C-alpha atoms as a PDB file:
ATOM      1  CA  UNK A   1      -1.543 -50.712 284.775  1.00  0.00           C
ATOM      2  CA  UNK A   2      -4.000 -50.755 281.380  1.00  0.00           C
ATOM      3  CA  UNK A   3      -4.096 -47.702 279.656  1.00  0.00           C
ATOM      4  CA  UNK A   4      -7.438 -48.754 276.838  1.00  0.00           C
ATOM      5  CA  UNK A   5      -7.312 -47.328 273.558  1.00  0.00           C
ATOM      6  CA  UNK A   6      -9.700 -45.550 271.204  1.00  0.00           C
ATOM      7  CA  UNK A   7     -11.056 -46.032 268.823  1.00  0.00           C
ATOM      8  CA  UNK A   8      -9.311 -49.697 268.660  1.00  0.00           C
ATOM      9  CA  UNK A   9     -10.485 -50.839 272.095  1.00  0.00           C
ATOM     10  CA  UNK A  10      -7.233 -52.456 273.004  1.00  0.00           C
ATOM     11  CA  UNK A  11      -6.104 -52.915 275.871  1.00  0.00           C
ATOM     12  CA  UNK A  12      -2.079 -52.136 277.204  1.00  0.00           C
ATOM     13  CA  UNK A  13      -0.869 -53.743 280.063  1.00  0.00           C
ATOM     14  CA  UNK A  14       1.560 -51.555 281.474  1.00  0.00           C
ATOM     15  CA  UNK A  15       4.667 -51.898 283.714  1.00  0.00           C
ATOM     16  CA  UNK A  16       5.478 -49.463 286.314  1.00  0.00           C
ATOM     17  CA  UNK A  17       7.054 -45.612 285.171  1.00  0.00           C
ATOM     18  CA  UNK A  18       6.896 -47.220 281.585  1.00  0.00           C
ATOM     19  CA  UNK A  19       6.110 -45.274 279.047  1.00  0.00           C
ATOM     20  CA  UNK A  20       3.209 -45.611 276.780  1.00  0.00           C
ATOM     21  CA  UNK A  21       4.721 -45.794 273.579  1.00  0.00           C
ATOM     22  CA  UNK A  22       7.289 -47.817 274.529  1.00  0.00           C
ATOM     23  CA  UNK A  23       4.981 -50.208 276.215  1.00  0.00           C
ATOM     24  CA  UNK A  24       2.487 -50.731 273.179  1.00  0.00           C
ATOM     25  CA  UNK A  25       5.764 -51.741 270.993  1.00  0.00           C
ATOM     26  CA  UNK A  26       6.808 -54.167 273.892  1.00  0.00           C
ATOM     27  CA  UNK A  27       3.252 -56.014 273.282  1.00  0.00           C
ATOM     28  CA  UNK A  28       4.074 -56.259 269.664  1.00  0.00           C
ATOM     29  CA  UNK A  29       1.887 -53.014 268.142  1.00  0.00           C
ATOM     30  CA  UNK A  30       2.406 -51.213 265.053  1.00  0.00           C
ATOM     31  CA  UNK A  31       2.608 -46.898 266.338  1.00  0.00           C
ATOM     32  CA  UNK A  32       2.609 -44.120 264.703  1.00  0.00           C
ATOM     33  CA  UNK A  33       6.133 -42.641 265.736  1.00  0.00           C
ATOM     34  CA  UNK A  34       9.290 -41.021 264.077  1.00  0.00           C
ATOM     35  CA  UNK A  35      11.424 -40.112 266.567  1.00  0.00           C
ATOM     36  CA  UNK A  36      14.034 -41.294 264.769  1.00  0.00           C
ATOM     37  CA  UNK A  37      13.383 -39.682 261.942  1.00  0.00           C
ATOM     38  CA  UNK A  38      13.290 -36.115 263.852  1.00  0.00           C
ATOM     39  CA  UNK A  39       9.824 -35.691 263.264  1.00  0.00           C
ATOM     40  CA  UNK A  40       8.415 -35.029 266.345  1.00  0.00           C
ATOM     41  CA  UNK A  41       4.406 -35.317 267.826  1.00  0.00           C
ATOM     42  CA  UNK A  42       3.338 -37.953 265.283  1.00  0.00           C
ATOM     43  CA  UNK A  43       3.010 -40.732 268.225  1.00  0.00           C
ATOM     44  CA  UNK A  44       0.364 -37.461 269.995  1.00  0.00           C
ATOM     45  CA  UNK A  45      -2.787 -38.926 271.453  1.00  0.00           C
ATOM     46  CA  UNK A  46      -5.560 -37.205 273.393  1.00  0.00           C
ATOM     47  CA  UNK A  47      -5.831 -38.166 277.425  1.00  0.00           C
ATOM     48  CA  UNK A  48      -9.530 -39.074 277.679  1.00  0.00           C
ATOM     49  CA  UNK A  49      -9.469 -40.125 281.719  1.00  0.00           C
ATOM     50  CA  UNK A  50      -6.908 -40.620 284.116  1.00  0.00           C
ATOM     51  CA  UNK A  51      -3.624 -39.420 284.735  1.00  0.00           C
ATOM     52  CA  UNK A  52      -0.357 -39.269 283.168  1.00  0.00           C
ATOM     53  CA  UNK A  53       3.224 -37.724 283.847  1.00  0.00           C
ATOM     54  CA  UNK A  54       5.249 -36.085 280.861  1.00  0.00           C
ATOM     55  CA  UNK A  55       8.050 -33.769 281.316  1.00  0.00           C
ATOM     56  CA  UNK A  56       7.864 -34.107 285.098  1.00  0.00           C
ATOM     57  CA  UNK A  57       4.234 -32.313 284.966  1.00  0.00           C
ATOM     58  CA  UNK A  58       0.926 -34.133 285.918  1.00  0.00           C
ATOM     59  CA  UNK A  59      -1.723 -33.816 283.691  1.00  0.00           C
ATOM     60  CA  UNK A  60      -5.451 -35.361 283.116  1.00  0.00           C
ATOM     61  CA  UNK A  61      -6.447 -34.356 279.988  1.00  0.00           C
ATOM     62  CA  UNK A  62      -5.384 -32.809 276.990  1.00  0.00           C
ATOM     63  CA  UNK A  63      -2.633 -33.479 274.397  1.00  0.00           C
ATOM     64  CA  UNK A  64       0.129 -35.822 275.322  1.00  0.00           C
ATOM     65  CA  UNK A  65       3.126 -37.235 273.459  1.00  0.00           C
ATOM     66  CA  UNK A  66       3.042 -41.290 274.034  1.00  0.00           C
ATOM     67  CA  UNK A  67       7.101 -41.560 273.600  1.00  0.00           C
ATOM     68  CA  UNK A  68       7.837 -39.550 276.789  1.00  0.00           C
ATOM     69  CA  UNK A  69       4.017 -39.786 279.023  1.00  0.00           C
ATOM     70  CA  UNK A  70       4.299 -42.198 281.630  1.00  0.00           C
ATOM     71  CA  UNK A  71       0.374 -42.925 283.398  1.00  0.00           C
ATOM     72  CA  UNK A  72       0.091 -42.873 286.588  1.00  0.00           C
ATOM     73  CA  UNK A  73      -2.588 -45.459 286.873  1.00  0.00           C
ATOM     74  CA  UNK A  74      -5.835 -46.830 284.001  1.00  0.00           C
ATOM     75  CA  UNK A  75      -5.915 -43.745 281.926  1.00  0.00           C
ATOM     76  CA  UNK A  76      -8.084 -44.172 278.555  1.00  0.00           C
ATOM     77  CA  UNK A  77      -6.243 -42.135 275.157  1.00  0.00           C
ATOM     78  CA  UNK A  78      -7.493 -41.416 271.598  1.00  0.00           C
ATOM     79  CA  UNK A  79      -4.774 -42.785 269.466  1.00  0.00           C
ATOM     80  CA  UNK A  80      -5.369 -43.372 265.649  1.00  0.00           C
ATOM     81  CA  UNK A  81      -3.625 -45.380 263.778  1.00  0.00           C
ATOM     82  CA  UNK A  82      -2.169 -47.829 266.344  1.00  0.00           C
ATOM     83  CA  UNK A  83      -2.365 -51.494 264.957  1.00  0.00           C
ATOM     84  CA  UNK A  84      -2.240 -54.855 267.023  1.00  0.00           C
ATOM     85  CA  UNK A  85      -0.107 -57.430 266.711  1.00  0.00           C
ATOM     86  CA  UNK A  86      -0.118 -59.089 263.495  1.00  0.00           C
ATOM     87  CA  UNK A  87      -2.417 -56.780 262.115  1.00  0.00           C
ATOM     88  CA  UNK A  88      -1.854 -54.971 258.893  1.00  0.00           C
ATOM     89  CA  UNK A  89      -2.703 -51.093 257.390  1.00  0.00           C
ATOM     90  CA  UNK A  90      -5.555 -51.677 254.541  1.00  0.00           C
ATOM     91  CA  UNK A  91      -4.748 -49.598 251.351  1.00  0.00           C
ATOM     92  CA  UNK A  92      -6.804 -49.297 248.258  1.00  0.00           C
ATOM     93  CA  UNK A  93      -5.021 -50.051 244.727  1.00  0.00           C
ATOM     94  CA  UNK A  94      -6.081 -50.331 240.933  1.00  0.00           C
ATOM     95  CA  UNK A  95      -4.933 -53.544 239.392  1.00  0.00           C
ATOM     96  CA  UNK A  96      -4.602 -55.089 236.186  1.00  0.00           C
ATOM     97  CA  UNK A  97      -6.256 -57.716 234.965  1.00  0.00           C
ATOM     98  CA  UNK A  98      -3.805 -60.401 234.026  1.00  0.00           C
ATOM     99  CA  UNK A  99      -5.905 -63.027 233.555  1.00  0.00           C
ATOM    100  CA  UNK A 100      -9.289 -64.394 233.998  1.00  0.00           C
ATOM    101  CA  UNK A 101     -10.088 -67.380 232.891  1.00  0.00           C
ATOM    102  CA  UNK A 102     -13.100 -70.101 233.185  1.00  0.00           C
ATOM    103  CA  UNK A 103     -11.282 -73.641 235.106  1.00  0.00           C
ATOM    104  CA  UNK A 104     -14.440 -76.066 235.687  1.00  0.00           C
ATOM    105  CA  UNK A 105     -17.656 -76.135 238.262  1.00  0.00           C
ATOM    106  CA  UNK A 106     -18.445 -72.945 236.312  1.00  0.00           C
ATOM    107  CA  UNK A 107     -15.134 -71.437 238.464  1.00  0.00           C
ATOM    108  CA  UNK A 108     -13.194 -68.468 237.492  1.00  0.00           C
ATOM    109  CA  UNK A 109      -9.654 -67.457 237.888  1.00  0.00           C
ATOM    110  CA  UNK A 110      -8.783 -64.156 238.543  1.00  0.00           C
ATOM    111  CA  UNK A 111      -5.404 -62.654 238.493  1.00  0.00           C
ATOM    112  CA  UNK A 112      -4.672 -59.092 239.420  1.00  0.00           C
ATOM    113  CA  UNK A 113      -1.516 -57.085 239.259  1.00  0.00           C
ATOM    114  CA  UNK A 114      -0.901 -54.382 241.686  1.00  0.00           C
ATOM    115  CA  UNK A 115       0.825 -50.580 240.588  1.00  0.00           C
ATOM    116  CA  UNK A 116       4.451 -50.664 240.508  1.00  0.00           C
ATOM    117  CA  UNK A 117       6.387 -49.906 243.752  1.00  0.00           C
ATOM    118  CA  UNK A 118       5.127 -51.326 247.308  1.00  0.00           C
ATOM    119  CA  UNK A 119       3.461 -54.919 246.737  1.00  0.00           C
ATOM    120  CA  UNK A 120       0.911 -55.479 248.567  1.00  0.00           C
ATOM    121  CA  UNK A 121       0.741 -56.685 252.550  1.00  0.00           C
ATOM    122  CA  UNK A 122      -1.437 -59.073 253.654  1.00  0.00           C
ATOM    123  CA  UNK A 123      -1.779 -62.359 255.541  1.00  0.00           C
ATOM    124  CA  UNK A 124      -1.626 -65.840 253.909  1.00  0.00           C
ATOM    125  CA  UNK A 125      -5.786 -66.811 254.496  1.00  0.00           C
ATOM    126  CA  UNK A 126      -6.958 -63.246 254.585  1.00  0.00           C
ATOM    127  CA  UNK A 127      -9.577 -61.688 251.801  1.00  0.00           C
ATOM    128  CA  UNK A 128     -10.090 -58.510 249.879  1.00  0.00           C
ATOM    129  CA  UNK A 129     -12.887 -56.143 248.735  1.00  0.00           C
ATOM    130  CA  UNK A 130     -13.682 -55.809 244.908  1.00  0.00           C
ATOM    131  CA  UNK A 131     -15.774 -52.638 243.963  1.00  0.00           C
ATOM    132  CA  UNK A 132     -18.854 -53.516 242.007  1.00  0.00           C
ATOM    133  CA  UNK A 133     -20.589 -50.987 239.549  1.00  0.00           C
ATOM    134  CA  UNK A 134     -24.111 -50.189 240.699  1.00  0.00           C
ATOM    135  CA  UNK A 135     -23.030 -52.084 244.019  1.00  0.00           C
ATOM    136  CA  UNK A 136     -21.822 -53.092 247.145  1.00  0.00           C
ATOM    137  CA  UNK A 137     -18.079 -54.384 246.961  1.00  0.00           C
ATOM    138  CA  UNK A 138     -17.712 -58.328 247.298  1.00  0.00           C
ATOM    139  CA  UNK A 139     -15.439 -60.746 249.004  1.00  0.00           C
ATOM    140  CA  UNK A 140     -13.272 -62.431 247.585  1.00  0.00           C
ATOM    141  CA  UNK A 141     -10.550 -64.981 249.680  1.00  0.00           C
ATOM    142  CA  UNK A 142      -7.255 -64.153 248.546  1.00  0.00           C
ATOM    143  CA  UNK A 143      -5.755 -67.491 246.639  1.00  0.00           C
ATOM    144  CA  UNK A 144      -2.048 -65.759 246.547  1.00  0.00           C
ATOM    145  CA  UNK A 145       0.003 -65.876 249.109  1.00  0.00           C
ATOM    146  CA  UNK A 146       1.957 -62.804 250.220  1.00  0.00           C
ATOM    147  CA  UNK A 147       5.313 -64.520 248.558  1.00  0.00           C
ATOM    148  CA  UNK A 148       3.437 -63.740 245.240  1.00  0.00           C
ATOM    149  CA  UNK A 149       4.509 -60.031 245.532  1.00  0.00           C
ATOM    150  CA  UNK A 150       2.483 -57.755 242.722  1.00  0.00           C
ATOM    151  CA  UNK A 151       0.475 -60.116 241.713  1.00  0.00           C
ATOM    152  CA  UNK A 152      -3.595 -61.543 243.295  1.00  0.00           C
ATOM    153  CA  UNK A 153      -5.412 -64.254 242.806  1.00  0.00           C
ATOM    154  CA  UNK A 154      -8.627 -65.106 242.992  1.00  0.00           C
ATOM    155  CA  UNK A 155     -11.804 -67.589 242.308  1.00  0.00           C
ATOM    156  CA  UNK A 156     -14.883 -66.711 241.768  1.00  0.00           C
ATOM    157  CA  UNK A 157     -18.003 -69.048 241.351  1.00  0.00           C
ATOM    158  CA  UNK A 158     -19.893 -67.336 238.535  1.00  0.00           C
ATOM    159  CA  UNK A 159     -23.726 -68.805 239.448  1.00  0.00           C
ATOM    160  CA  UNK A 160     -25.308 -65.952 240.427  1.00  0.00           C
ATOM    161  CA  UNK A 161     -25.718 -62.852 238.653  1.00  0.00           C
ATOM    162  CA  UNK A 162     -23.955 -60.181 240.932  1.00  0.00           C
ATOM    163  CA  UNK A 163     -20.681 -62.653 239.966  1.00  0.00           C
ATOM    164  CA  UNK A 164     -21.450 -62.873 236.064  1.00  0.00           C
ATOM    165  CA  UNK A 165     -21.699 -59.150 236.121  1.00  0.00           C
ATOM    166  CA  UNK A 166     -18.648 -58.719 238.495  1.00  0.00           C
ATOM    167  CA  UNK A 167     -16.780 -61.011 235.399  1.00  0.00           C
ATOM    168  CA  UNK A 168     -18.344 -59.049 232.488  1.00  0.00           C
ATOM    169  CA  UNK A 169     -17.097 -55.690 233.972  1.00  0.00           C
ATOM    170  CA  UNK A 170     -13.374 -56.865 234.546  1.00  0.00           C
ATOM    171  CA  UNK A 171     -13.004 -57.989 231.105  1.00  0.00           C
ATOM    172  CA  UNK A 172     -14.501 -55.222 230.081  1.00  0.00           C
ATOM    173  CA  UNK A 173     -12.307 -52.535 232.013  1.00  0.00           C
ATOM    174  CA  UNK A 174      -9.231 -55.133 232.461  1.00  0.00           C
ATOM    175  CA  UNK A 175      -8.989 -53.777 236.046  1.00  0.00           C
ATOM    176  CA  UNK A 176     -10.366 -53.547 239.272  1.00  0.00           C
ATOM    177  CA  UNK A 177     -10.599 -51.468 242.662  1.00  0.00           C
ATOM    178  CA  UNK A 178      -9.625 -53.159 245.234  1.00  0.00           C
ATOM    179  CA  UNK A 179      -9.480 -52.762 249.155  1.00  0.00           C
ATOM    180  CA  UNK A 180      -7.402 -54.806 251.524  1.00  0.00           C
ATOM    181  CA  UNK A 181      -6.325 -56.560 253.611  1.00  0.00           C
ATOM    182  CA  UNK A 182      -9.582 -58.212 255.998  1.00  0.00           C
ATOM    183  CA  UNK A 183     -10.221 -61.040 257.991  1.00  0.00           C
ATOM    184  CA  UNK A 184      -7.914 -62.602 260.834  1.00  0.00           C
ATOM    185  CA  UNK A 185      -8.362 -65.844 260.068  1.00  0.00           C
ATOM    186  CA  UNK A 186      -4.722 -66.296 258.697  1.00  0.00           C
ATOM    187  CA  UNK A 187      -1.363 -67.234 259.134  1.00  0.00           C
ATOM    188  CA  UNK A 188       0.404 -64.610 260.218  1.00  0.00           C
ATOM    189  CA  UNK A 189       2.218 -66.816 262.409  1.00  0.00           C
ATOM    190  CA  UNK A 190       2.873 -70.351 261.509  1.00  0.00           C
ATOM    191  CA  UNK A 191       1.778 -73.089 264.145  1.00  0.00           C
ATOM    192  CA  UNK A 192       3.647 -75.565 265.904  1.00  0.00           C
ATOM    193  CA  UNK A 193       1.636 -78.756 264.847  1.00  0.00           C
ATOM    194  CA  UNK A 194      -0.705 -80.429 262.152  1.00  0.00           C
ATOM    195  CA  UNK A 195      -2.504 -78.335 259.967  1.00  0.00           C
ATOM    196  CA  UNK A 196      -6.048 -79.980 259.301  1.00  0.00           C
ATOM    197  CA  UNK A 197      -7.550 -77.267 256.164  1.00  0.00           C
ATOM    198  CA  UNK A 198     -11.642 -77.718 255.035  1.00  0.00           C
ATOM    199  CA  UNK A 199     -12.861 -75.642 252.183  1.00  0.00           C
ATOM    200  CA  UNK A 200     -16.396 -76.281 250.154  1.00  0.00           C
ATOM    201  CA  UNK A 201     -16.310 -75.192 246.597  1.00  0.00           C
ATOM    202  CA  UNK A 202     -14.427 -72.275 246.106  1.00  0.00           C
ATOM    203  CA  UNK A 203     -14.036 -72.444 249.850  1.00  0.00           C
ATOM    204  CA  UNK A 204     -10.129 -74.039 248.506  1.00  0.00           C
ATOM    205  CA  UNK A 205      -9.221 -70.230 247.662  1.00  0.00           C
ATOM    206  CA  UNK A 206      -8.603 -69.248 251.020  1.00  0.00           C
ATOM    207  CA  UNK A 207      -6.439 -72.684 251.292  1.00  0.00           C
ATOM    208  CA  UNK A 208      -5.051 -73.022 248.437  1.00  0.00           C
ATOM    209  CA  UNK A 209      -3.112 -69.410 249.626  1.00  0.00           C
ATOM    210  CA  UNK A 210      -2.789 -71.391 253.183  1.00  0.00           C
ATOM    211  CA  UNK A 211      -0.796 -74.216 251.386  1.00  0.00           C
ATOM    212  CA  UNK A 212       1.663 -72.281 249.313  1.00  0.00           C
ATOM    213  CA  UNK A 213       2.467 -69.884 252.005  1.00  0.00           C
ATOM    214  CA  UNK A 214       3.474 -72.994 254.081  1.00  0.00           C
ATOM    215  CA  UNK A 215       5.303 -74.697 251.201  1.00  0.00           C
ATOM    216  CA  UNK A 216       7.063 -71.203 250.526  1.00  0.00           C
ATOM    217  CA  UNK A 217       7.866 -71.074 254.711  1.00  0.00           C
ATOM    218  CA  UNK A 218       9.082 -74.671 255.046  1.00  0.00           C
ATOM    219  CA  UNK A 219       6.595 -75.274 257.236  1.00  0.00           C
ATOM    220  CA  UNK A 220       7.171 -78.846 258.685  1.00  0.00           C
ATOM    221  CA  UNK A 221       4.150 -80.139 260.457  1.00  0.00           C
ATOM    222  CA  UNK A 222       1.921 -81.946 258.285  1.00  0.00           C
ATOM    223  CA  UNK A 223      -1.059 -80.601 256.639  1.00  0.00           C
ATOM    224  CA  UNK A 224      -4.065 -82.250 255.830  1.00  0.00           C
ATOM    225  CA  UNK A 225      -6.821 -80.596 253.055  1.00  0.00           C
ATOM    226  CA  UNK A 226     -10.421 -81.701 252.825  1.00  0.00           C
ATOM    227  CA  UNK A 227     -11.838 -80.480 249.651  1.00  0.00           C
ATOM    228  CA  UNK A 228     -15.572 -80.665 249.504  1.00  0.00           C
ATOM    229  CA  UNK A 229     -18.178 -80.540 246.291  1.00  0.00           C
ATOM    230  CA  UNK A 230     -21.692 -81.348 246.048  1.00  0.00           C
ATOM    231  CA  UNK A 231     -20.910 -83.687 242.302  1.00  0.00           C
ATOM    232  CA  UNK A 232     -17.605 -84.304 240.933  1.00  0.00           C
ATOM    233  CA  UNK A 233     -17.682 -81.708 238.411  1.00  0.00           C
ATOM    234  CA  UNK A 234     -17.799 -78.960 240.826  1.00  0.00           C
ATOM    235  CA  UNK A 235     -14.561 -79.748 241.516  1.00  0.00           C
ATOM    236  CA  UNK A 236     -11.954 -77.113 239.824  1.00  0.00           C
ATOM    237  CA  UNK A 237      -8.527 -76.365 238.525  1.00  0.00           C
ATOM    238  CA  UNK A 238      -5.646 -75.681 240.816  1.00  0.00           C
ATOM    239  CA  UNK A 239      -2.394 -74.571 238.783  1.00  0.00           C
ATOM    240  CA  UNK A 240      -0.541 -76.169 241.950  1.00  0.00           C
ATOM    241  CA  UNK A 241      -2.749 -79.400 242.507  1.00  0.00           C
ATOM    242  CA  UNK A 242      -0.040 -81.744 240.535  1.00  0.00           C
ATOM    243  CA  UNK A 243       2.967 -80.143 242.485  1.00  0.00           C
ATOM    244  CA  UNK A 244       0.706 -80.911 245.196  1.00  0.00           C
ATOM    245  CA  UNK A 245       0.323 -84.571 245.140  1.00  0.00           C
ATOM    246  CA  UNK A 246       4.108 -84.828 245.402  1.00  0.00           C
ATOM    247  CA  UNK A 247       5.299 -83.453 248.729  1.00  0.00           C
ATOM    248  CA  UNK A 248       5.031 -84.997 251.434  1.00  0.00           C
ATOM    249  CA  UNK A 249       4.036 -83.899 253.914  1.00  0.00           C
ATOM    250  CA  UNK A 250       0.652 -82.357 252.506  1.00  0.00           C
ATOM    251  CA  UNK A 251      -2.085 -85.185 252.316  1.00  0.00           C
ATOM    252  CA  UNK A 252      -5.205 -84.327 249.954  1.00  0.00           C
ATOM    253  CA  UNK A 253      -8.805 -85.053 250.049  1.00  0.00           C
ATOM    254  CA  UNK A 254     -11.752 -84.637 247.640  1.00  0.00           C
ATOM    255  CA  UNK A 255     -14.850 -85.517 249.648  1.00  0.00           C
ATOM    256  CA  UNK A 256     -18.346 -85.492 247.391  1.00  0.00           C
ATOM    257  CA  UNK A 257     -21.556 -85.537 248.798  1.00  0.00           C
ATOM    258  CA  UNK A 258     -23.210 -87.285 245.918  1.00  0.00           C
ATOM    259  CA  UNK A 259     -22.467 -90.328 244.584  1.00  0.00           C
ATOM    260  CA  UNK A 260     -23.239 -89.616 240.781  1.00  0.00           C
ATOM    261  CA  UNK A 261     -20.266 -90.439 238.441  1.00  0.00           C
ATOM    262  CA  UNK A 262     -17.866 -90.322 241.630  1.00  0.00           C
ATOM    263  CA  UNK A 263     -15.753 -93.227 242.739  1.00  0.00           C
ATOM    264  CA  UNK A 264     -13.521 -91.612 245.283  1.00  0.00           C
ATOM    265  CA  UNK A 265     -14.344 -90.493 249.230  1.00  0.00           C
ATOM    266  CA  UNK A 266     -18.064 -89.487 249.834  1.00  0.00           C
ATOM    267  CA  UNK A 267     -19.910 -87.903 252.907  1.00  0.00           C
ATOM    268  CA  UNK A 268     -19.592 -84.783 254.272  1.00  0.00           C
ATOM    269  CA  UNK A 269     -16.384 -83.079 255.053  1.00  0.00           C
ATOM    270  CA  UNK A 270     -16.392 -83.321 258.641  1.00  0.00           C
ATOM    271  CA  UNK A 271     -17.192 -87.002 258.994  1.00  0.00           C
ATOM    272  CA  UNK A 272     -14.023 -87.737 256.871  1.00  0.00           C
ATOM    273  CA  UNK A 273     -12.192 -85.749 259.653  1.00  0.00           C
ATOM    274  CA  UNK A 274     -13.556 -87.632 262.170  1.00  0.00           C
ATOM    275  CA  UNK A 275     -12.664 -91.315 260.543  1.00  0.00           C
ATOM    276  CA  UNK A 276      -8.755 -90.092 259.841  1.00  0.00           C
ATOM    277  CA  UNK A 277      -8.588 -88.645 263.279  1.00  0.00           C
ATOM    278  CA  UNK A 278      -9.470 -90.336 266.919  1.00  0.00           C
ATOM    279  CA  UNK A 279      -7.925 -87.646 268.409  1.00  0.00           C
ATOM    280  CA  UNK A 280      -8.658 -83.969 267.345  1.00  0.00           C
ATOM    281  CA  UNK A 281      -6.882 -82.287 270.163  1.00  0.00           C
ATOM    282  CA  UNK A 282      -3.152 -81.563 268.538  1.00  0.00           C
ATOM    283  CA  UNK A 283      -4.663 -80.024 264.812  1.00  0.00           C
ATOM    284  CA  UNK A 284      -4.861 -76.639 264.425  1.00  0.00           C
ATOM    285  CA  UNK A 285      -8.104 -76.164 261.605  1.00  0.00           C
ATOM    286  CA  UNK A 286      -9.206 -74.024 259.490  1.00  0.00           C
ATOM    287  CA  UNK A 287     -12.535 -73.901 257.969  1.00  0.00           C
ATOM    288  CA  UNK A 288     -14.166 -72.118 254.415  1.00  0.00           C
ATOM    289  CA  UNK A 289     -17.372 -72.315 253.382  1.00  0.00           C
ATOM    290  CA  UNK A 290     -20.873 -71.554 253.529  1.00  0.00           C
ATOM    291  CA  UNK A 291     -22.336 -70.483 256.932  1.00  0.00           C
ATOM    292  CA  UNK A 292     -24.450 -73.762 257.612  1.00  0.00           C
ATOM    293  CA  UNK A 293     -20.896 -75.615 256.383  1.00  0.00           C
ATOM    294  CA  UNK A 294     -19.147 -73.996 259.134  1.00  0.00           C
ATOM    295  CA  UNK A 295     -20.739 -74.660 261.694  1.00  0.00           C
ATOM    296  CA  UNK A 296     -22.489 -77.931 260.668  1.00  0.00           C
ATOM    297  CA  UNK A 297     -18.356 -78.858 260.904  1.00  0.00           C
ATOM    298  CA  UNK A 298     -17.912 -76.845 264.102  1.00  0.00           C
ATOM    299  CA  UNK A 299     -21.093 -79.042 265.912  1.00  0.00           C
ATOM    300  CA  UNK A 300     -19.282 -82.152 264.442  1.00  0.00           C
ATOM    301  CA  UNK A 301     -15.810 -81.854 265.441  1.00  0.00           C
ATOM    302  CA  UNK A 302     -17.055 -80.325 268.911  1.00  0.00           C
ATOM    303  CA  UNK A 303     -18.900 -83.350 269.912  1.00  0.00           C
ATOM    304  CA  UNK A 304     -15.788 -85.505 268.083  1.00  0.00           C
ATOM    305  CA  UNK A 305     -13.853 -83.611 271.323  1.00  0.00           C
ATOM    306  CA  UNK A 306     -12.417 -80.661 269.800  1.00  0.00           C
ATOM    307  CA  UNK A 307     -12.003 -77.567 271.308  1.00  0.00           C
ATOM    308  CA  UNK A 308     -14.109 -74.985 269.907  1.00  0.00           C
ATOM    309  CA  UNK A 309     -11.352 -72.930 269.902  1.00  0.00           C
ATOM    310  CA  UNK A 310      -8.894 -74.934 267.530  1.00  0.00           C
ATOM    311  CA  UNK A 311     -11.766 -74.383 264.308  1.00  0.00           C
ATOM    312  CA  UNK A 312     -11.175 -70.748 263.370  1.00  0.00           C
ATOM    313  CA  UNK A 313     -13.178 -69.737 260.393  1.00  0.00           C
ATOM    314  CA  UNK A 314     -14.004 -65.949 258.758  1.00  0.00           C
ATOM    315  CA  UNK A 315     -17.819 -66.839 259.093  1.00  0.00           C
ATOM    316  CA  UNK A 316     -17.273 -66.436 263.173  1.00  0.00           C
ATOM    317  CA  UNK A 317     -17.303 -63.048 262.214  1.00  0.00           C
ATOM    318  CA  UNK A 318     -19.579 -62.213 259.987  1.00  0.00           C
ATOM    319  CA  UNK A 319     -22.256 -64.556 260.141  1.00  0.00           C
ATOM    320  CA  UNK A 320     -22.031 -65.060 263.968  1.00  0.00           C
ATOM    321  CA  UNK A 321     -24.645 -67.347 265.584  1.00  0.00           C
ATOM    322  CA  UNK A 322     -26.111 -67.292 269.038  1.00  0.00           C
END
């Protein structure tokens, strides 16, 4: 039977006679409950539709306790605070500015340190929102990986006035207010197969997080990075690039579309991937860049035989197309 949760929209498929909290936890959901600490009623929810049995009594509306309630058919509940598998709670933090330096290509590396105590929780590949004076929060991929603890790293392209103003704000205040984590294009679980990471410009920040996480976790499958730029001078310095070049299962490809002052690989990123892989089906593919770049990559790789579900990108959530 199905138990649908509001406001998340999650649907729990429970076994006959299974209590709601037990079923949710079996399915990997993180639910508000504190029975073992003697703090009852934390797991309370509101029955909006359907029927349940609780302590020998049948109910068709009102408050229930998910730790003892058994659905008698499909139900609709209002249950706050339930997190889906691999979903993490968002937190607002005031961070100290550790570093704000230019690293080439009009890109600045920004390093923040979160308050002492419990380190922030996020998955490799997720992003944060940073408050701006007089404007909407700005989204930036986390270039750091979860094992970095309290230290967060961002790569900010400073070609637009809004980004330049943000950097000025950070350097003046020596702190930043952030909210994290966001995004479902991450590596909460390492895949059982090779990874292909496709990044344009500062889309490299997200891939930096994924690669460092794979290194820390001892990922054994090959990882192929394709980093693209219009001009060679648009590539910026990465602190671990030299170390990456020595890793036996990490393959680095820099691809430039404008041939001036570049003697390496030329063309579009999806062309490079298609040249290197006759069969795309075994690959787990992540892409980061502008919507135009990501959708062009998707279309080209689908044309080459990739299942569209193989490619993951944040663009699909914030800039969906028909």
